[in-house]
C-alpha cells in the first residue's frame, strides 16, 4: 500500500509538471504497465483530482481544472525557488501582484520544513533588490504568454511599438526573460519568419491562441545572448563605432554580448558600442586598455577632446 501511495504522488507530480502525457510515457517514467497507469488515474479521480483522458494517437492524460485547487507537490529545490520568486514578486514589476505574493509567501513559509525555511531565510538575508522605475506588466498578460510558451501554442496579440503605433502579431513564443527591470518575450515571428523580441508590457494577447508548433532551435548563442544583443543596443542613448587596434577575438573576450565586434584585419577590428552617457562610454573604452579611433560619432569625439584637455591640465601639461 505504501508503494502504491508513493507511486500516486509521483504520478500526480508528473501530471502537474506538463500539460499532457501519453499512457506509455507515464508508464515509462514510473516503470509500470499502462494498465497500472489507468488504475492509478482512477484512484486519483476518486481522491478528487480532475484527470482528463483523451483517446487517440495524439491523446493522453492531463490534469484538468476542478472546483478547488488541488495540493501542489514540490521538491526541496522547487519549494525554495517558489519562496524566493514570491519574495521578488512582492517587490514588483508585475502589476497588482505584490500583496498577493506576500499572502502566498506567508502560507508557504508556514508549511516549509525547518531545513528549507533556514535556506530561504539565508538567501533572503544575503540578497538585496535594487529598486528601479521599470514598467510593470499585468499578471494575466504574463501568465498568458508563459502558458503559450509551455504549451507551444502560437500567440496572437496586438503590440504597441516604440512610436505608439499598434500592429497585430503571430508569434511562436519561446521564452519569457526578465532583464533590466523589464519582461521580454523572445519568439519566432510567423509573418516575418525571424526571431524577434517583444516588451511584455506592450503585448495585448488575443484569445484563443493559434495552432500548436514544434519547438525551434533557439537563436545563435542562446536566448539570453540574443536578447542582450538586440535589447541592449536598443536601450543605449549614445552609439559609436570604434576602431580598436586589437584582434577581433581579443576584443570580443573583453566586451559583453550586446557589443558587436567585426574584424577588419588581423590587427584591428570595429566595435559598435554604446551607453546611456558619453562619460560612461569613455570610461568603458578606457578600461579596454588598447588604442582606438572614433569612426562615426562627432559628439563622442568632441567629448573625448574635452577629456584630453581636462586630463592634460590635471598633470600640468
C-alpha atoms as a PDB file:
ATOM      1  CA  UNK A   1       0.000   0.000   0.000  1.00  0.00           C
ATOM      2  CA  UNK A   2       2.844   2.383   0.816  1.00  0.00           C
ATOM      3  CA  UNK A   3       4.368   1.656  -2.598  1.00  0.00           C
ATOM      4  CA  UNK A   4       1.060   2.466  -4.323  1.00  0.00           C
ATOM      5  CA  UNK A   5       0.684   5.719  -2.396  1.00  0.00           C
ATOM      6  CA  UNK A   6       4.224   6.788  -3.295  1.00  0.00           C
ATOM      7  CA  UNK A   7       3.555   5.987  -6.955  1.00  0.00           C
ATOM      8  CA  UNK A   8       0.337   8.033  -6.886  1.00  0.00           C
ATOM      9  CA  UNK A   9       2.269  11.006  -5.549  1.00  0.00           C
ATOM     10  CA  UNK A  10       4.867  10.646  -8.310  1.00  0.00           C
ATOM     11  CA  UNK A  11       2.114  10.335 -10.933  1.00  0.00           C
ATOM     12  CA  UNK A  12       0.417  13.464  -9.608  1.00  0.00           C
ATOM     13  CA  UNK A  13       3.726  15.324  -9.663  1.00  0.00           C
ATOM     14  CA  UNK A  14       4.247  14.376 -13.320  1.00  0.00           C
ATOM     15  CA  UNK A  15       0.729  15.462 -14.277  1.00  0.00           C
ATOM     16  CA  UNK A  16       1.347  18.835 -12.618  1.00  0.00           C
ATOM     17  CA  UNK A  17       4.669  19.319 -14.420  1.00  0.00           C
ATOM     18  CA  UNK A  18       3.392  19.097 -18.012  1.00  0.00           C
ATOM     19  CA  UNK A  19       0.130  19.701 -19.818  1.00  0.00           C
ATOM     20  CA  UNK A  20      -0.294  16.306 -21.495  1.00  0.00           C
ATOM     21  CA  UNK A  21       1.265  12.856 -21.060  1.00  0.00           C
ATOM     22  CA  UNK A  22       0.595   9.689 -23.041  1.00  0.00           C
ATOM     23  CA  UNK A  23      -0.013   6.461 -21.157  1.00  0.00           C
ATOM     24  CA  UNK A  24       3.260   4.881 -22.379  1.00  0.00           C
ATOM     25  CA  UNK A  25       5.221   7.996 -21.343  1.00  0.00           C
ATOM     26  CA  UNK A  26       3.849   7.829 -17.803  1.00  0.00           C
ATOM     27  CA  UNK A  27       4.348   4.079 -17.647  1.00  0.00           C
ATOM     28  CA  UNK A  28       7.968   4.503 -18.703  1.00  0.00           C
ATOM     29  CA  UNK A  29       8.595   7.205 -16.094  1.00  0.00           C
ATOM     30  CA  UNK A  30       7.091   5.128 -13.290  1.00  0.00           C
ATOM     31  CA  UNK A  31       8.337   1.750 -14.559  1.00  0.00           C
ATOM     32  CA  UNK A  32       4.866   0.189 -14.576  1.00  0.00           C
ATOM     33  CA  UNK A  33       2.389  -1.006 -17.204  1.00  0.00           C
ATOM     34  CA  UNK A  34      -0.137   1.221 -18.964  1.00  0.00           C
ATOM     35  CA  UNK A  35      -2.888  -0.766 -17.196  1.00  0.00           C
ATOM     36  CA  UNK A  36      -1.415   0.272 -13.833  1.00  0.00           C
ATOM     37  CA  UNK A  37      -1.434   3.882 -15.056  1.00  0.00           C
ATOM     38  CA  UNK A  38      -5.137   3.594 -15.911  1.00  0.00           C
ATOM     39  CA  UNK A  39      -5.866   2.179 -12.453  1.00  0.00           C
ATOM     40  CA  UNK A  40      -3.826   4.892 -10.729  1.00  0.00           C
ATOM     41  CA  UNK A  41      -5.624   7.575 -12.712  1.00  0.00           C
ATOM     42  CA  UNK A  42      -8.937   6.211 -11.449  1.00  0.00           C
ATOM     43  CA  UNK A  43      -7.580   6.345  -7.877  1.00  0.00           C
ATOM     44  CA  UNK A  44      -6.621   9.995  -8.342  1.00  0.00           C
ATOM     45  CA  UNK A  45     -10.090  10.760  -9.666  1.00  0.00           C
ATOM     46  CA  UNK A  46     -11.561   9.052  -6.628  1.00  0.00           C
ATOM     47  CA  UNK A  47      -9.493  11.416  -4.451  1.00  0.00           C
ATOM     48  CA  UNK A  48     -10.960  14.417  -6.251  1.00  0.00           C
ATOM     49  CA  UNK A  49      -8.231  15.175  -8.798  1.00  0.00           C
ATOM     50  CA  UNK A  50      -9.747  16.048 -12.216  1.00  0.00           C
ATOM     51  CA  UNK A  51      -7.609  13.908 -14.536  1.00  0.00           C
ATOM     52  CA  UNK A  52      -8.820  14.141 -18.143  1.00  0.00           C
ATOM     53  CA  UNK A  53      -8.161  11.379 -20.681  1.00  0.00           C
ATOM     54  CA  UNK A  54      -8.231  11.956 -24.442  1.00  0.00           C
ATOM     55  CA  UNK A  55      -8.276   8.872 -26.716  1.00  0.00           C
ATOM     56  CA  UNK A  56      -6.393   8.547 -29.989  1.00  0.00           C
ATOM     57  CA  UNK A  57      -2.834   8.856 -31.259  1.00  0.00           C
ATOM     58  CA  UNK A  58      -2.495  12.488 -30.163  1.00  0.00           C
ATOM     59  CA  UNK A  59      -4.377  11.944 -26.905  1.00  0.00           C
ATOM     60  CA  UNK A  60      -3.203  11.337 -23.377  1.00  0.00           C
ATOM     61  CA  UNK A  61      -3.732  12.295 -19.751  1.00  0.00           C
ATOM     62  CA  UNK A  62      -3.873  15.831 -18.387  1.00  0.00           C
ATOM     63  CA  UNK A  63      -4.715  17.387 -15.050  1.00  0.00           C
ATOM     64  CA  UNK A  64      -7.815  19.493 -15.617  1.00  0.00           C
ATOM     65  CA  UNK A  65      -9.329  22.336 -13.661  1.00  0.00           C
ATOM     66  CA  UNK A  66     -11.613  21.328 -10.821  1.00  0.00           C
ATOM     67  CA  UNK A  67     -13.902  23.084  -8.379  1.00  0.00           C
ATOM     68  CA  UNK A  68     -10.979  23.639  -6.000  1.00  0.00           C
ATOM     69  CA  UNK A  69      -7.237  23.848  -6.490  1.00  0.00           C
ATOM     70  CA  UNK A  70      -5.571  20.518  -5.611  1.00  0.00           C
ATOM     71  CA  UNK A  71      -2.450  20.440  -3.423  1.00  0.00           C
ATOM     72  CA  UNK A  72       0.789  21.051  -5.330  1.00  0.00           C
ATOM     73  CA  UNK A  73       3.716  18.688  -4.918  1.00  0.00           C
ATOM     74  CA  UNK A  74       7.060  20.470  -4.735  1.00  0.00           C
ATOM     75  CA  UNK A  75      10.508  19.023  -4.151  1.00  0.00           C
ATOM     76  CA  UNK A  76      13.023  20.896  -1.979  1.00  0.00           C
ATOM     77  CA  UNK A  77      14.567  22.915  -4.802  1.00  0.00           C
ATOM     78  CA  UNK A  78      11.174  23.851  -6.254  1.00  0.00           C
ATOM     79  CA  UNK A  79       9.905  24.996  -2.844  1.00  0.00           C
ATOM     80  CA  UNK A  80      12.935  27.244  -2.302  1.00  0.00           C
ATOM     81  CA  UNK A  81      12.611  28.633  -5.845  1.00  0.00           C
ATOM     82  CA  UNK A  82       8.921  29.431  -5.326  1.00  0.00           C
ATOM     83  CA  UNK A  83       9.614  31.152  -1.995  1.00  0.00           C
ATOM     84  CA  UNK A  84      12.354  33.339  -3.477  1.00  0.00           C
ATOM     85  CA  UNK A  85      10.212  34.079  -6.515  1.00  0.00           C
ATOM     86  CA  UNK A  86       7.369  35.251  -4.293  1.00  0.00           C
ATOM     87  CA  UNK A  87       9.739  37.495  -2.345  1.00  0.00           C
ATOM     88  CA  UNK A  88      10.947  39.021  -5.609  1.00  0.00           C
ATOM     89  CA  UNK A  89       7.392  39.470  -6.910  1.00  0.00           C
ATOM     90  CA  UNK A  90       6.445  41.269  -3.703  1.00  0.00           C
ATOM     91  CA  UNK A  91       8.974  43.929  -4.734  1.00  0.00           C
ATOM     92  CA  UNK A  92       7.402  44.024  -8.055  1.00  0.00           C
ATOM     93  CA  UNK A  93       7.499  44.580 -11.717  1.00  0.00           C
ATOM     94  CA  UNK A  94       4.223  42.674 -12.140  1.00  0.00           C
ATOM     95  CA  UNK A  95       1.229  44.957 -11.655  1.00  0.00           C
ATOM     96  CA  UNK A  96      -1.117  44.200  -8.763  1.00  0.00           C
ATOM     97  CA  UNK A  97       0.703  41.103  -7.567  1.00  0.00           C
ATOM     98  CA  UNK A  98       2.647  42.488  -4.608  1.00  0.00           C
ATOM     99  CA  UNK A  99       0.045  41.928  -1.878  1.00  0.00           C
ATOM    100  CA  UNK A 100      -0.982  38.546  -3.302  1.00  0.00           C
ATOM    101  CA  UNK A 101       2.658  37.432  -3.320  1.00  0.00           C
ATOM    102  CA  UNK A 102       3.070  38.347   0.346  1.00  0.00           C
ATOM    103  CA  UNK A 103      -0.023  36.313   1.309  1.00  0.00           C
ATOM    104  CA  UNK A 104       1.119  33.299  -0.717  1.00  0.00           C
ATOM    105  CA  UNK A 105       4.612  33.520   0.751  1.00  0.00           C
ATOM    106  CA  UNK A 106       3.220  33.547   4.303  1.00  0.00           C
ATOM    107  CA  UNK A 107       1.252  30.353   3.581  1.00  0.00           C
ATOM    108  CA  UNK A 108       4.250  28.642   2.003  1.00  0.00           C
ATOM    109  CA  UNK A 109       6.687  29.515   4.792  1.00  0.00           C
ATOM    110  CA  UNK A 110       4.210  28.221   7.371  1.00  0.00           C
ATOM    111  CA  UNK A 111       4.419  24.676   5.987  1.00  0.00           C
ATOM    112  CA  UNK A 112       8.087  24.633   4.923  1.00  0.00           C
ATOM    113  CA  UNK A 113      10.256  22.123   6.784  1.00  0.00           C
ATOM    114  CA  UNK A 114      12.779  23.718   9.117  1.00  0.00           C
ATOM    115  CA  UNK A 115      15.740  22.916   6.828  1.00  0.00           C
ATOM    116  CA  UNK A 116      14.110  24.706   3.898  1.00  0.00           C
ATOM    117  CA  UNK A 117      12.934  27.647   6.000  1.00  0.00           C
ATOM    118  CA  UNK A 118      16.554  28.229   7.034  1.00  0.00           C
ATOM    119  CA  UNK A 119      17.706  28.099   3.395  1.00  0.00           C
ATOM    120  CA  UNK A 120      15.095  30.625   2.315  1.00  0.00           C
ATOM    121  CA  UNK A 121      15.968  32.908   5.249  1.00  0.00           C
ATOM    122  CA  UNK A 122      19.669  32.715   4.402  1.00  0.00           C
ATOM    123  CA  UNK A 123      19.064  33.555   0.754  1.00  0.00           C
ATOM    124  CA  UNK A 124      16.774  36.414   1.697  1.00  0.00           C
ATOM    125  CA  UNK A 125      19.228  37.921   4.189  1.00  0.00           C
ATOM    126  CA  UNK A 126      22.076  37.798   1.674  1.00  0.00           C
ATOM    127  CA  UNK A 127      20.081  39.231  -1.246  1.00  0.00           C
ATOM    128  CA  UNK A 128      19.421  42.904  -1.960  1.00  0.00           C
ATOM    129  CA  UNK A 129      16.997  44.241  -4.539  1.00  0.00           C
ATOM    130  CA  UNK A 130      17.820  47.450  -6.404  1.00  0.00           C
ATOM    131  CA  UNK A 131      14.623  49.437  -6.796  1.00  0.00           C
ATOM    132  CA  UNK A 132      14.044  50.907 -10.219  1.00  0.00           C
ATOM    133  CA  UNK A 133      11.433  52.624 -12.316  1.00  0.00           C
ATOM    134  CA  UNK A 134      10.834  49.947 -14.912  1.00  0.00           C
ATOM    135  CA  UNK A 135       7.382  49.409 -16.416  1.00  0.00           C
ATOM    136  CA  UNK A 136       5.011  46.939 -14.793  1.00  0.00           C
ATOM    137  CA  UNK A 137       3.352  44.020 -16.592  1.00  0.00           C
ATOM    138  CA  UNK A 138      -0.186  42.839 -15.963  1.00  0.00           C
ATOM    139  CA  UNK A 139      -0.016  39.453 -14.220  1.00  0.00           C
ATOM    140  CA  UNK A 140      -2.661  37.940 -16.509  1.00  0.00           C
ATOM    141  CA  UNK A 141      -0.736  39.003 -19.601  1.00  0.00           C
ATOM    142  CA  UNK A 142       2.489  37.488 -18.285  1.00  0.00           C
ATOM    143  CA  UNK A 143       0.669  34.262 -17.362  1.00  0.00           C
ATOM    144  CA  UNK A 144      -0.904  34.039 -20.834  1.00  0.00           C
ATOM    145  CA  UNK A 145       2.500  34.459 -22.502  1.00  0.00           C
ATOM    146  CA  UNK A 146       4.155  31.886 -20.213  1.00  0.00           C
ATOM    147  CA  UNK A 147       1.325  29.377 -20.782  1.00  0.00           C
ATOM    148  CA  UNK A 148       1.695  29.729 -24.562  1.00  0.00           C
ATOM    149  CA  UNK A 149       5.451  29.088 -24.216  1.00  0.00           C
ATOM    150  CA  UNK A 150       4.790  25.998 -22.096  1.00  0.00           C
ATOM    151  CA  UNK A 151       2.088  24.561 -24.361  1.00  0.00           C
ATOM    152  CA  UNK A 152       3.865  25.523 -27.620  1.00  0.00           C
ATOM    153  CA  UNK A 153       0.797  27.375 -28.921  1.00  0.00           C
ATOM    154  CA  UNK A 154       1.071  30.255 -31.388  1.00  0.00           C
ATOM    155  CA  UNK A 155       0.433  33.532 -29.572  1.00  0.00           C
ATOM    156  CA  UNK A 156      -1.739  36.134 -31.308  1.00  0.00           C
ATOM    157  CA  UNK A 157      -1.510  39.636 -29.888  1.00  0.00           C
ATOM    158  CA  UNK A 158      -1.665  43.370 -30.539  1.00  0.00           C
ATOM    159  CA  UNK A 159       1.667  45.069 -29.988  1.00  0.00           C
ATOM    160  CA  UNK A 160       2.382  48.729 -29.258  1.00  0.00           C
ATOM    161  CA  UNK A 161       5.731  49.764 -30.765  1.00  0.00           C
ATOM    162  CA  UNK A 162       8.196  52.465 -29.687  1.00  0.00           C
ATOM    163  CA  UNK A 163       6.356  55.036 -31.809  1.00  0.00           C
ATOM    164  CA  UNK A 164       2.999  54.213 -30.230  1.00  0.00           C
ATOM    165  CA  UNK A 165       1.633  52.539 -33.370  1.00  0.00           C
ATOM    166  CA  UNK A 166      -0.183  49.228 -32.889  1.00  0.00           C
ATOM    167  CA  UNK A 167       0.328  46.109 -35.006  1.00  0.00           C
ATOM    168  CA  UNK A 168      -1.104  42.604 -34.891  1.00  0.00           C
ATOM    169  CA  UNK A 169       1.421  39.775 -34.455  1.00  0.00           C
ATOM    170  CA  UNK A 170       1.531  35.990 -34.684  1.00  0.00           C
ATOM    171  CA  UNK A 171       4.474  34.552 -32.768  1.00  0.00           C
ATOM    172  CA  UNK A 172       5.674  31.111 -31.773  1.00  0.00           C
ATOM    173  CA  UNK A 173       6.670  32.012 -28.187  1.00  0.00           C
ATOM    174  CA  UNK A 174       9.948  30.520 -26.985  1.00  0.00           C
ATOM    175  CA  UNK A 175      10.901  32.077 -23.626  1.00  0.00           C
ATOM    176  CA  UNK A 176       9.993  34.920 -21.277  1.00  0.00           C
ATOM    177  CA  UNK A 177      13.069  36.744 -19.946  1.00  0.00           C
ATOM    178  CA  UNK A 178      13.399  39.325 -17.167  1.00  0.00           C
ATOM    179  CA  UNK A 179      16.221  41.801 -17.774  1.00  0.00           C
ATOM    180  CA  UNK A 180      16.922  45.350 -16.579  1.00  0.00           C
ATOM    181  CA  UNK A 181      13.588  45.671 -14.735  1.00  0.00           C
ATOM    182  CA  UNK A 182      11.656  44.672 -17.845  1.00  0.00           C
ATOM    183  CA  UNK A 183       9.949  41.483 -19.083  1.00  0.00           C
ATOM    184  CA  UNK A 184      10.574  40.359 -22.661  1.00  0.00           C
ATOM    185  CA  UNK A 185       9.062  37.715 -24.919  1.00  0.00           C
ATOM    186  CA  UNK A 186      11.502  36.055 -27.319  1.00  0.00           C
ATOM    187  CA  UNK A 187       9.798  34.172 -30.128  1.00  0.00           C
ATOM    188  CA  UNK A 188       9.645  33.315 -33.812  1.00  0.00           C
ATOM    189  CA  UNK A 189       7.596  35.877 -35.760  1.00  0.00           C
ATOM    190  CA  UNK A 190       5.451  33.780 -38.119  1.00  0.00           C
ATOM    191  CA  UNK A 191       4.831  36.584 -40.631  1.00  0.00           C
ATOM    192  CA  UNK A 192       8.395  37.953 -40.717  1.00  0.00           C
ATOM    193  CA  UNK A 193       9.967  34.476 -40.475  1.00  0.00           C
ATOM    194  CA  UNK A 194      12.644  35.538 -37.996  1.00  0.00           C
ATOM    195  CA  UNK A 195      13.397  35.678 -34.281  1.00  0.00           C
ATOM    196  CA  UNK A 196      12.047  38.805 -32.611  1.00  0.00           C
ATOM    197  CA  UNK A 197      11.935  40.362 -29.136  1.00  0.00           C
ATOM    198  CA  UNK A 198       8.825  41.996 -27.657  1.00  0.00           C
ATOM    199  CA  UNK A 199       8.338  44.053 -24.491  1.00  0.00           C
ATOM    200  CA  UNK A 200       5.782  42.135 -22.432  1.00  0.00           C
ATOM    201  CA  UNK A 201       4.201  45.328 -21.076  1.00  0.00           C
ATOM    202  CA  UNK A 202       3.305  46.271 -24.677  1.00  0.00           C
ATOM    203  CA  UNK A 203       1.664  42.930 -25.501  1.00  0.00           C
ATOM    204  CA  UNK A 204      -2.142  42.593 -25.571  1.00  0.00           C
ATOM    205  CA  UNK A 205      -2.945  38.889 -26.108  1.00  0.00           C
ATOM    206  CA  UNK A 206      -5.871  37.812 -28.267  1.00  0.00           C
ATOM    207  CA  UNK A 207      -7.815  34.654 -27.490  1.00  0.00           C
ATOM    208  CA  UNK A 208      -7.884  31.887 -28.336  1.00  0.00           C
ATOM    209  CA  UNK A 209      -4.275  31.018 -29.120  1.00  0.00           C
ATOM    210  CA  UNK A 210      -3.353  29.724 -32.543  1.00  0.00           C
ATOM    211  CA  UNK A 211      -2.130  26.312 -33.662  1.00  0.00           C
ATOM    212  CA  UNK A 212       0.459  24.281 -31.787  1.00  0.00           C
ATOM    213  CA  UNK A 213       4.003  24.190 -33.191  1.00  0.00           C
ATOM    214  CA  UNK A 214       7.214  22.205 -32.980  1.00  0.00           C
ATOM    215  CA  UNK A 215       9.819  23.987 -30.870  1.00  0.00           C
ATOM    216  CA  UNK A 216      12.627  25.530 -32.918  1.00  0.00           C
ATOM    217  CA  UNK A 217      16.329  25.672 -32.198  1.00  0.00           C
ATOM    218  CA  UNK A 218      16.983  28.833 -30.146  1.00  0.00           C
ATOM    219  CA  UNK A 219      18.768  31.837 -31.710  1.00  0.00           C
ATOM    220  CA  UNK A 220      22.531  31.656 -32.130  1.00  0.00           C
ATOM    221  CA  UNK A 221      24.237  31.870 -28.752  1.00  0.00           C
ATOM    222  CA  UNK A 222      21.030  31.223 -26.823  1.00  0.00           C
ATOM    223  CA  UNK A 223      18.035  33.325 -25.824  1.00  0.00           C
ATOM    224  CA  UNK A 224      19.837  35.495 -23.246  1.00  0.00           C
ATOM    225  CA  UNK A 225      22.691  36.409 -25.589  1.00  0.00           C
ATOM    226  CA  UNK A 226      20.198  37.175 -28.361  1.00  0.00           C
ATOM    227  CA  UNK A 227      18.216  39.427 -26.051  1.00  0.00           C
ATOM    228  CA  UNK A 228      21.340  41.213 -24.842  1.00  0.00           C
ATOM    229  CA  UNK A 229      22.484  41.849 -28.412  1.00  0.00           C
ATOM    230  CA  UNK A 230      19.165  43.288 -29.529  1.00  0.00           C
ATOM    231  CA  UNK A 231      17.669  44.952 -26.486  1.00  0.00           C
ATOM    232  CA  UNK A 232      20.956  46.166 -25.010  1.00  0.00           C
ATOM    233  CA  UNK A 233      21.762  48.170 -28.131  1.00  0.00           C
ATOM    234  CA  UNK A 234      18.196  49.495 -28.392  1.00  0.00           C
ATOM    235  CA  UNK A 235      18.302  50.877 -24.857  1.00  0.00           C
ATOM    236  CA  UNK A 236      21.527  52.864 -25.365  1.00  0.00           C
ATOM    237  CA  UNK A 237      21.137  56.620 -25.659  1.00  0.00           C
ATOM    238  CA  UNK A 238      24.535  57.172 -27.340  1.00  0.00           C
ATOM    239  CA  UNK A 239      26.091  54.974 -30.042  1.00  0.00           C
ATOM    240  CA  UNK A 240      29.546  54.962 -31.613  1.00  0.00           C
ATOM    241  CA  UNK A 241      31.599  52.845 -33.989  1.00  0.00           C
ATOM    242  CA  UNK A 242      35.158  52.478 -32.690  1.00  0.00           C
ATOM    243  CA  UNK A 243      38.211  51.103 -34.499  1.00  0.00           C
ATOM    244  CA  UNK A 244      40.225  49.132 -31.965  1.00  0.00           C
ATOM    245  CA  UNK A 245      43.906  48.355 -32.506  1.00  0.00           C
ATOM    246  CA  UNK A 246      43.462  44.784 -31.327  1.00  0.00           C
ATOM    247  CA  UNK A 247      42.428  41.461 -32.932  1.00  0.00           C
ATOM    248  CA  UNK A 248      38.676  40.813 -33.016  1.00  0.00           C
ATOM    249  CA  UNK A 249      38.938  37.688 -30.858  1.00  0.00           C
ATOM    250  CA  UNK A 250      40.854  39.561 -28.182  1.00  0.00           C
ATOM    251  CA  UNK A 251      38.324  42.420 -28.163  1.00  0.00           C
ATOM    252  CA  UNK A 252      35.302  40.101 -28.116  1.00  0.00           C
ATOM    253  CA  UNK A 253      36.608  38.428 -24.977  1.00  0.00           C
ATOM    254  CA  UNK A 254      36.537  41.785 -23.147  1.00  0.00           C
ATOM    255  CA  UNK A 255      33.055  43.006 -24.084  1.00  0.00           C
ATOM    256  CA  UNK A 256      29.502  41.827 -23.259  1.00  0.00           C
ATOM    257  CA  UNK A 257      27.343  40.071 -25.902  1.00  0.00           C
ATOM    258  CA  UNK A 258      25.392  43.292 -26.605  1.00  0.00           C
ATOM    259  CA  UNK A 259      28.532  44.820 -28.172  1.00  0.00           C
ATOM    260  CA  UNK A 260      29.132  43.849 -31.809  1.00  0.00           C
ATOM    261  CA  UNK A 261      32.759  43.201 -32.844  1.00  0.00           C
ATOM    262  CA  UNK A 262      33.698  42.958 -36.541  1.00  0.00           C
ATOM    263  CA  UNK A 263      37.194  42.034 -37.720  1.00  0.00           C
ATOM    264  CA  UNK A 264      38.885  44.476 -40.126  1.00  0.00           C
ATOM    265  CA  UNK A 265      42.192  42.636 -40.438  1.00  0.00           C
ATOM    266  CA  UNK A 266      44.410  40.529 -38.209  1.00  0.00           C
ATOM    267  CA  UNK A 267      45.374  43.509 -36.017  1.00  0.00           C
ATOM    268  CA  UNK A 268      42.280  45.750 -35.915  1.00  0.00           C
ATOM    269  CA  UNK A 269      38.517  45.459 -35.520  1.00  0.00           C
ATOM    270  CA  UNK A 270      35.397  47.607 -35.372  1.00  0.00           C
ATOM    271  CA  UNK A 271      33.473  47.884 -32.119  1.00  0.00           C
ATOM    272  CA  UNK A 272      29.813  49.005 -32.233  1.00  0.00           C
ATOM    273  CA  UNK A 273      29.334  50.209 -28.689  1.00  0.00           C
ATOM    274  CA  UNK A 274      27.032  52.472 -26.760  1.00  0.00           C
ATOM    275  CA  UNK A 275      25.990  53.727 -23.345  1.00  0.00           C
ATOM    276  CA  UNK A 276      23.462  55.937 -21.605  1.00  0.00           C
ATOM    277  CA  UNK A 277      26.051  58.706 -21.151  1.00  0.00           C
ATOM    278  CA  UNK A 278      29.123  59.833 -23.069  1.00  0.00           C
ATOM    279  CA  UNK A 279      31.081  59.782 -19.795  1.00  0.00           C
ATOM    280  CA  UNK A 280      30.372  56.096 -19.257  1.00  0.00           C
ATOM    281  CA  UNK A 281      31.201  55.250 -22.884  1.00  0.00           C
ATOM    282  CA  UNK A 282      34.600  56.965 -22.487  1.00  0.00           C
ATOM    283  CA  UNK A 283      35.235  55.111 -19.230  1.00  0.00           C
ATOM    284  CA  UNK A 284      34.242  51.811 -20.833  1.00  0.00           C
ATOM    285  CA  UNK A 285      36.657  52.234 -23.751  1.00  0.00           C
ATOM    286  CA  UNK A 286      39.445  53.281 -21.384  1.00  0.00           C
ATOM    287  CA  UNK A 287      39.042  50.034 -19.459  1.00  0.00           C
ATOM    288  CA  UNK A 288      39.705  48.040 -22.649  1.00  0.00           C
ATOM    289  CA  UNK A 289      43.343  49.213 -22.383  1.00  0.00           C
ATOM    290  CA  UNK A 290      44.040  49.481 -26.123  1.00  0.00           C
ATOM    291  CA  UNK A 291      44.433  52.266 -28.688  1.00  0.00           C
ATOM    292  CA  UNK A 292      41.284  53.219 -30.585  1.00  0.00           C
ATOM    293  CA  UNK A 293      39.804  55.707 -33.080  1.00  0.00           C
ATOM    294  CA  UNK A 294      36.275  57.141 -33.220  1.00  0.00           C
ATOM    295  CA  UNK A 295      34.817  56.366 -36.651  1.00  0.00           C
ATOM    296  CA  UNK A 296      31.323  57.841 -36.819  1.00  0.00           C
ATOM    297  CA  UNK A 297      30.317  59.859 -33.733  1.00  0.00           C
ATOM    298  CA  UNK A 298      31.369  63.564 -33.795  1.00  0.00           C
ATOM    299  CA  UNK A 299      29.536  64.049 -30.483  1.00  0.00           C
ATOM    300  CA  UNK A 300      31.625  61.383 -28.755  1.00  0.00           C
ATOM    301  CA  UNK A 301      34.824  62.635 -30.422  1.00  0.00           C
ATOM    302  CA  UNK A 302      34.115  66.120 -29.052  1.00  0.00           C
ATOM    303  CA  UNK A 303      33.591  64.690 -25.590  1.00  0.00           C
ATOM    304  CA  UNK A 304      36.956  62.918 -25.766  1.00  0.00           C
ATOM    305  CA  UNK A 305      38.669  66.203 -26.737  1.00  0.00           C
ATOM    306  CA  UNK A 306      37.218  67.828 -23.608  1.00  0.00           C
ATOM    307  CA  UNK A 307      38.566  64.912 -21.542  1.00  0.00           C
ATOM    308  CA  UNK A 308      42.010  65.273 -23.128  1.00  0.00           C
ATOM    309  CA  UNK A 309      42.115  68.917 -22.087  1.00  0.00           C
ATOM    310  CA  UNK A 310      40.951  68.141 -18.563  1.00  0.00           C
ATOM    311  CA  UNK A 311      43.493  65.345 -18.086  1.00  0.00           C
ATOM    312  CA  UNK A 312      46.302  67.474 -19.567  1.00  0.00           C
ATOM    313  CA  UNK A 313      45.548  70.254 -17.106  1.00  0.00           C
ATOM    314  CA  UNK A 314      45.481  67.713 -14.300  1.00  0.00           C
ATOM    315  CA  UNK A 315      49.152  66.820 -14.933  1.00  0.00           C
ATOM    316  CA  UNK A 316      50.277  70.373 -15.733  1.00  0.00           C
ATOM    317  CA  UNK A 317      50.782  69.805 -19.454  1.00  0.00           C
END
